[in-house]
N, C-alpha and C. Protein backbone atom coordinates (compact mmCIF):
# COMPACT_ATOMS: atom_id res chain seq x y z
N MET A 1 0.84 -1.18 0.00
CA MET A 1 0.00 0.00 0.00
C MET A 1 0.87 1.23 0.00
N THR A 2 0.43 2.31 -0.62
CA THR A 2 1.15 3.57 -0.59
C THR A 2 0.30 4.61 0.12
N SER A 3 0.88 5.75 0.33
CA SER A 3 0.20 6.78 1.08
C SER A 3 -0.79 7.57 0.24
N CYS A 4 -0.81 7.38 -1.06
CA CYS A 4 -1.73 8.11 -1.93
C CYS A 4 -2.56 7.12 -2.74
N ILE A 5 -3.77 7.48 -3.02
CA ILE A 5 -4.62 6.68 -3.89
C ILE A 5 -3.96 6.67 -5.27
N GLY A 6 -3.82 5.49 -5.84
CA GLY A 6 -3.21 5.37 -7.15
C GLY A 6 -1.70 5.48 -7.14
N SER A 7 -1.09 5.53 -5.96
CA SER A 7 0.38 5.54 -5.81
C SER A 7 1.04 6.74 -6.45
N GLN A 8 0.35 7.87 -6.53
CA GLN A 8 0.96 9.05 -7.10
C GLN A 8 0.83 10.21 -6.12
N ALA A 9 1.83 11.06 -6.11
CA ALA A 9 1.77 12.25 -5.27
C ALA A 9 0.63 13.13 -5.75
N GLY A 10 0.05 13.83 -4.84
CA GLY A 10 -1.04 14.73 -5.19
C GLY A 10 -1.74 15.26 -3.96
N ILE A 11 -3.02 15.53 -4.10
CA ILE A 11 -3.82 16.07 -3.02
C ILE A 11 -4.91 15.06 -2.69
N PHE A 12 -5.09 14.77 -1.42
CA PHE A 12 -6.15 13.89 -0.95
C PHE A 12 -6.82 14.57 0.23
N LEU A 13 -8.13 14.73 0.19
CA LEU A 13 -8.88 15.42 1.23
C LEU A 13 -8.30 16.80 1.53
N GLY A 14 -7.87 17.48 0.47
CA GLY A 14 -7.35 18.83 0.61
C GLY A 14 -5.95 18.93 1.15
N ARG A 15 -5.27 17.80 1.36
CA ARG A 15 -3.92 17.80 1.91
C ARG A 15 -2.98 17.08 0.95
N PRO A 16 -1.70 17.45 0.95
CA PRO A 16 -0.74 16.75 0.09
C PRO A 16 -0.52 15.32 0.56
N CYS A 17 -0.30 14.44 -0.39
CA CYS A 17 0.06 13.06 -0.06
C CYS A 17 1.17 12.62 -1.00
N TYR A 18 1.98 11.65 -0.52
CA TYR A 18 3.18 11.26 -1.23
C TYR A 18 3.31 9.76 -1.23
N PRO A 19 3.73 9.18 -2.35
CA PRO A 19 3.88 7.73 -2.39
C PRO A 19 5.10 7.26 -1.60
N TYR A 20 4.88 6.36 -0.71
CA TYR A 20 5.95 5.62 -0.05
C TYR A 20 5.33 4.36 0.50
N THR A 21 6.14 3.36 0.71
CA THR A 21 5.64 2.07 1.11
C THR A 21 5.20 2.08 2.58
N VAL A 22 4.02 1.57 2.84
CA VAL A 22 3.52 1.41 4.20
C VAL A 22 3.24 -0.07 4.39
N ARG A 23 3.85 -0.64 5.42
CA ARG A 23 3.66 -2.06 5.70
C ARG A 23 2.24 -2.28 6.20
N MET A 24 1.52 -3.23 5.60
CA MET A 24 0.14 -3.51 5.98
C MET A 24 0.11 -4.74 6.87
N ALA A 25 0.09 -4.52 8.18
CA ALA A 25 0.01 -5.62 9.12
C ALA A 25 -0.50 -5.09 10.45
N ILE A 26 -1.25 -5.90 11.14
CA ILE A 26 -1.68 -5.56 12.49
C ILE A 26 -0.60 -6.08 13.43
N ALA A 27 -0.13 -5.22 14.32
CA ALA A 27 0.95 -5.60 15.24
C ALA A 27 0.50 -6.75 16.14
N ALA A 28 1.38 -7.70 16.33
CA ALA A 28 1.14 -8.80 17.26
C ALA A 28 1.64 -8.35 18.63
N THR A 29 0.72 -8.02 19.51
CA THR A 29 1.08 -7.52 20.83
C THR A 29 0.80 -8.58 21.89
N PRO A 30 1.48 -8.48 23.03
CA PRO A 30 1.23 -9.45 24.11
C PRO A 30 -0.09 -9.14 24.81
N ALA A 31 -0.44 -9.97 25.76
CA ALA A 31 -1.61 -9.70 26.58
C ALA A 31 -1.39 -8.39 27.34
N PRO A 32 -2.43 -7.57 27.46
CA PRO A 32 -2.29 -6.32 28.22
C PRO A 32 -1.95 -6.61 29.68
N PRO A 33 -1.42 -5.61 30.36
CA PRO A 33 -1.27 -4.23 29.91
C PRO A 33 0.04 -3.99 29.16
N TYR A 34 -0.01 -3.02 28.27
CA TYR A 34 1.15 -2.48 27.57
C TYR A 34 0.77 -1.06 27.17
N TYR A 35 1.63 -0.37 26.48
CA TYR A 35 1.39 1.04 26.16
C TYR A 35 1.35 1.27 24.66
N ALA A 36 0.58 2.28 24.26
CA ALA A 36 0.49 2.69 22.86
C ALA A 36 0.84 4.16 22.75
N VAL A 37 1.68 4.49 21.78
CA VAL A 37 1.97 5.87 21.43
C VAL A 37 1.26 6.11 20.11
N ILE A 38 0.31 7.02 20.12
CA ILE A 38 -0.47 7.35 18.92
C ILE A 38 0.05 8.68 18.38
N PHE A 39 0.62 8.64 17.17
CA PHE A 39 1.18 9.82 16.53
C PHE A 39 0.29 10.16 15.34
N THR A 40 -0.41 11.28 15.42
CA THR A 40 -1.33 11.72 14.37
C THR A 40 -0.73 12.96 13.73
N SER A 41 -0.71 13.00 12.39
CA SER A 41 -0.02 14.11 11.73
C SER A 41 -0.67 14.53 10.42
N LEU A 42 -0.39 15.77 10.06
CA LEU A 42 -0.70 16.32 8.74
C LEU A 42 0.62 16.79 8.15
N ARG A 43 0.89 16.37 6.93
CA ARG A 43 2.18 16.62 6.27
C ARG A 43 2.21 17.95 5.54
N THR A 44 3.43 18.41 5.26
CA THR A 44 3.68 19.55 4.39
C THR A 44 3.79 19.03 2.95
N ASP A 45 3.96 19.96 2.01
CA ASP A 45 4.15 19.58 0.60
C ASP A 45 5.52 18.95 0.40
N GLY A 46 5.59 17.99 -0.52
CA GLY A 46 6.85 17.37 -0.90
C GLY A 46 7.30 16.28 0.05
N ASP A 47 7.99 15.28 -0.49
CA ASP A 47 8.49 14.18 0.33
C ASP A 47 9.69 14.64 1.16
N ASN A 48 10.65 15.31 0.52
CA ASN A 48 11.82 15.86 1.21
C ASN A 48 12.53 14.86 2.12
N GLY A 49 12.58 13.61 1.69
CA GLY A 49 13.27 12.58 2.47
C GLY A 49 12.42 11.91 3.53
N TYR A 50 11.13 12.27 3.60
CA TYR A 50 10.25 11.72 4.63
C TYR A 50 10.12 10.21 4.56
N GLY A 51 9.85 9.68 3.38
CA GLY A 51 9.63 8.24 3.23
C GLY A 51 10.83 7.42 3.68
N THR A 52 12.01 7.87 3.30
CA THR A 52 13.24 7.18 3.70
C THR A 52 13.41 7.22 5.21
N MET A 53 13.18 8.38 5.81
CA MET A 53 13.34 8.51 7.26
C MET A 53 12.27 7.71 8.00
N ALA A 54 11.04 7.71 7.51
CA ALA A 54 9.98 6.95 8.16
C ALA A 54 10.33 5.46 8.21
N GLU A 55 10.82 4.93 7.11
CA GLU A 55 11.22 3.52 7.07
C GLU A 55 12.40 3.26 8.01
N ALA A 56 13.36 4.18 8.04
CA ALA A 56 14.52 4.02 8.93
C ALA A 56 14.10 4.07 10.40
N MET A 57 13.17 4.97 10.73
CA MET A 57 12.72 5.08 12.13
C MET A 57 11.95 3.83 12.55
N GLU A 58 11.16 3.26 11.65
CA GLU A 58 10.45 2.03 11.99
C GLU A 58 11.44 0.90 12.28
N LYS A 59 12.46 0.79 11.44
CA LYS A 59 13.49 -0.25 11.65
C LYS A 59 14.26 -0.01 12.94
N LEU A 60 14.61 1.24 13.22
CA LEU A 60 15.34 1.56 14.44
C LEU A 60 14.47 1.30 15.68
N ALA A 61 13.22 1.70 15.64
CA ALA A 61 12.32 1.48 16.79
C ALA A 61 12.24 0.00 17.12
N ALA A 62 12.20 -0.83 16.09
CA ALA A 62 12.07 -2.28 16.29
C ALA A 62 13.27 -2.88 17.02
N THR A 63 14.39 -2.16 17.07
CA THR A 63 15.58 -2.66 17.78
C THR A 63 15.64 -2.17 19.22
N GLN A 64 14.72 -1.31 19.61
CA GLN A 64 14.78 -0.70 20.94
C GLN A 64 14.19 -1.62 22.00
N PRO A 65 14.80 -1.65 23.19
CA PRO A 65 14.24 -2.44 24.29
C PRO A 65 12.81 -1.99 24.59
N GLY A 66 11.92 -2.96 24.75
CA GLY A 66 10.54 -2.65 25.08
C GLY A 66 9.61 -2.43 23.90
N PHE A 67 10.15 -2.39 22.68
CA PHE A 67 9.31 -2.20 21.49
C PHE A 67 8.50 -3.47 21.24
N LEU A 68 7.20 -3.30 20.97
CA LEU A 68 6.32 -4.45 20.73
C LEU A 68 5.78 -4.53 19.31
N GLY A 69 5.66 -3.41 18.62
CA GLY A 69 5.12 -3.43 17.26
C GLY A 69 4.69 -2.05 16.83
N ILE A 70 4.27 -1.96 15.56
CA ILE A 70 3.85 -0.67 15.00
C ILE A 70 2.79 -0.90 13.94
N GLU A 71 1.88 0.06 13.82
CA GLU A 71 0.86 0.08 12.77
C GLU A 71 0.81 1.51 12.24
N SER A 72 0.64 1.65 10.93
CA SER A 72 0.66 2.99 10.35
C SER A 72 -0.26 3.06 9.14
N ALA A 73 -0.92 4.20 8.99
CA ALA A 73 -1.78 4.46 7.83
C ALA A 73 -1.69 5.94 7.49
N ARG A 74 -1.72 6.23 6.20
CA ARG A 74 -1.72 7.63 5.77
C ARG A 74 -2.54 7.75 4.49
N GLU A 75 -3.60 8.45 4.59
CA GLU A 75 -4.40 8.88 3.44
C GLU A 75 -4.80 10.31 3.73
N GLY A 76 -3.86 11.22 3.60
CA GLY A 76 -4.09 12.60 4.01
C GLY A 76 -3.70 12.77 5.46
N LEU A 77 -4.52 12.26 6.37
CA LEU A 77 -4.21 12.25 7.80
C LEU A 77 -3.38 11.02 8.10
N GLY A 78 -2.23 11.21 8.74
CA GLY A 78 -1.37 10.07 9.08
C GLY A 78 -1.58 9.67 10.53
N ILE A 79 -1.69 8.38 10.76
CA ILE A 79 -1.79 7.85 12.12
C ILE A 79 -0.82 6.68 12.24
N THR A 80 0.10 6.80 13.17
CA THR A 80 1.03 5.72 13.47
C THR A 80 0.88 5.39 14.95
N VAL A 81 0.70 4.11 15.24
CA VAL A 81 0.59 3.64 16.61
C VAL A 81 1.75 2.69 16.86
N SER A 82 2.59 3.03 17.83
CA SER A 82 3.65 2.10 18.22
C SER A 82 3.31 1.57 19.61
N TYR A 83 3.70 0.33 19.85
CA TYR A 83 3.36 -0.36 21.10
C TYR A 83 4.62 -0.64 21.89
N TRP A 84 4.54 -0.45 23.22
CA TRP A 84 5.72 -0.52 24.08
C TRP A 84 5.38 -1.24 25.37
N GLU A 85 6.38 -1.86 25.97
CA GLU A 85 6.20 -2.57 27.24
C GLU A 85 5.98 -1.63 28.42
N SER A 86 6.58 -0.43 28.37
CA SER A 86 6.56 0.44 29.55
C SER A 86 6.69 1.90 29.16
N LEU A 87 6.36 2.77 30.10
CA LEU A 87 6.57 4.20 29.90
C LEU A 87 8.06 4.53 29.81
N GLU A 88 8.88 3.76 30.51
CA GLU A 88 10.32 3.97 30.45
C GLU A 88 10.86 3.66 29.05
N ALA A 89 10.35 2.61 28.41
CA ALA A 89 10.76 2.28 27.05
C ALA A 89 10.35 3.39 26.08
N ILE A 90 9.17 3.96 26.28
CA ILE A 90 8.72 5.07 25.44
C ILE A 90 9.63 6.28 25.62
N ALA A 91 9.97 6.60 26.86
CA ALA A 91 10.86 7.74 27.13
C ALA A 91 12.23 7.53 26.51
N ALA A 92 12.74 6.31 26.59
CA ALA A 92 14.05 6.01 25.98
C ALA A 92 13.99 6.19 24.47
N TRP A 93 12.90 5.76 23.83
CA TRP A 93 12.75 5.93 22.38
C TRP A 93 12.68 7.40 22.02
N LYS A 94 11.91 8.17 22.79
CA LYS A 94 11.79 9.60 22.51
C LYS A 94 13.16 10.28 22.60
N ALA A 95 14.03 9.82 23.50
CA ALA A 95 15.34 10.42 23.71
C ALA A 95 16.45 9.83 22.84
N ASN A 96 16.14 8.82 22.03
CA ASN A 96 17.14 8.21 21.15
C ASN A 96 17.73 9.29 20.22
N ALA A 97 19.05 9.36 20.14
CA ALA A 97 19.72 10.43 19.40
C ALA A 97 19.29 10.50 17.94
N THR A 98 19.20 9.38 17.27
CA THR A 98 18.78 9.36 15.86
C THR A 98 17.33 9.78 15.72
N HIS A 99 16.50 9.32 16.65
CA HIS A 99 15.09 9.71 16.65
C HIS A 99 14.94 11.21 16.92
N LEU A 100 15.79 11.78 17.77
CA LEU A 100 15.74 13.22 18.03
C LEU A 100 16.01 14.02 16.75
N VAL A 101 16.93 13.55 15.92
CA VAL A 101 17.20 14.21 14.63
C VAL A 101 15.95 14.16 13.76
N ALA A 102 15.31 13.00 13.69
CA ALA A 102 14.08 12.86 12.89
C ALA A 102 12.97 13.75 13.44
N GLN A 103 12.85 13.83 14.75
CA GLN A 103 11.82 14.69 15.36
C GLN A 103 12.02 16.15 14.94
N GLN A 104 13.27 16.62 14.99
CA GLN A 104 13.54 18.01 14.62
C GLN A 104 13.27 18.25 13.14
N ARG A 105 13.66 17.29 12.31
CA ARG A 105 13.39 17.43 10.86
C ARG A 105 11.88 17.46 10.61
N GLY A 106 11.13 16.68 11.39
CA GLY A 106 9.68 16.71 11.26
C GLY A 106 9.12 18.09 11.55
N ARG A 107 9.59 18.70 12.62
CA ARG A 107 9.12 20.05 12.97
C ARG A 107 9.54 21.08 11.92
N ASP A 108 10.76 20.93 11.43
CA ASP A 108 11.31 21.91 10.47
C ASP A 108 10.76 21.74 9.06
N THR A 109 10.48 20.49 8.64
CA THR A 109 10.26 20.22 7.22
C THR A 109 8.97 19.46 6.92
N TRP A 110 8.67 18.37 7.63
CA TRP A 110 7.67 17.40 7.17
C TRP A 110 6.25 17.63 7.65
N TYR A 111 6.05 18.26 8.77
CA TYR A 111 4.70 18.32 9.35
C TYR A 111 4.15 19.73 9.41
N GLU A 112 2.88 19.84 9.02
CA GLU A 112 2.11 21.06 9.28
C GLU A 112 1.71 21.07 10.75
N GLU A 113 1.30 19.90 11.24
CA GLU A 113 0.96 19.75 12.64
C GLU A 113 0.96 18.28 13.01
N PHE A 114 1.13 18.02 14.30
CA PHE A 114 1.03 16.65 14.79
C PHE A 114 0.61 16.66 16.25
N LYS A 115 0.16 15.51 16.71
CA LYS A 115 -0.20 15.33 18.11
C LYS A 115 0.24 13.93 18.52
N VAL A 116 0.76 13.82 19.74
CA VAL A 116 1.18 12.53 20.29
C VAL A 116 0.31 12.25 21.51
N ARG A 117 -0.22 11.04 21.56
CA ARG A 117 -1.00 10.58 22.72
C ARG A 117 -0.37 9.29 23.23
N ILE A 118 -0.24 9.17 24.53
CA ILE A 118 0.33 7.97 25.13
C ILE A 118 -0.74 7.35 26.02
N CYS A 119 -1.03 6.07 25.77
CA CYS A 119 -2.14 5.39 26.43
C CYS A 119 -1.69 4.05 27.01
N ARG A 120 -2.29 3.65 28.09
CA ARG A 120 -2.09 2.31 28.62
C ARG A 120 -3.21 1.44 28.06
N VAL A 121 -2.84 0.35 27.41
CA VAL A 121 -3.83 -0.59 26.86
C VAL A 121 -4.21 -1.55 27.99
N GLU A 122 -5.45 -1.51 28.37
CA GLU A 122 -5.97 -2.35 29.44
C GLU A 122 -6.61 -3.63 28.92
N ARG A 123 -7.09 -3.55 27.69
CA ARG A 123 -7.81 -4.69 27.12
C ARG A 123 -7.66 -4.64 25.61
N ASP A 124 -7.55 -5.80 24.98
CA ASP A 124 -7.62 -5.87 23.53
C ASP A 124 -8.29 -7.18 23.13
N TYR A 125 -8.79 -7.21 21.92
CA TYR A 125 -9.38 -8.43 21.37
C TYR A 125 -9.24 -8.34 19.87
N ALA A 126 -9.41 -9.47 19.18
CA ALA A 126 -9.12 -9.51 17.75
C ALA A 126 -10.07 -10.44 17.01
N PHE A 127 -10.06 -10.28 15.70
CA PHE A 127 -10.75 -11.16 14.77
C PHE A 127 -9.80 -11.42 13.62
N ASP A 128 -9.72 -12.66 13.16
CA ASP A 128 -8.88 -12.99 12.03
C ASP A 128 -9.62 -14.04 11.20
N ARG A 129 -10.03 -13.64 10.00
CA ARG A 129 -10.79 -14.53 9.11
C ARG A 129 -9.98 -15.80 8.75
N ALA A 130 -8.67 -15.67 8.74
CA ALA A 130 -7.82 -16.82 8.37
C ALA A 130 -7.91 -17.84 9.42
């Protein structure tokens, strides 16, 4: 899946969108409790290295202690949810030096606006047709 309908850069719901690969999978998380970081964003015009950095940050996050998984979707409005074992693991990820560079580039270049929410998952359930 790409971030734009038809895999081409353009405008979707009045906002710019850019083609880049988004992994389509539901994260396999352990039994609760665990934590979710919900990152909701609206992008600026142009890719400007965003797709490459997004893929690199996903790979880097997966190597961090306490990381449990990630889910991401972008069709105009971007929503990425990462799952973590603890608040301490989330704080360590936020303070990761490479991630700090990406955060600053996001503020300077990639985002019109964003919001981060941190939640404790108390319960989850699933359905799988397979």
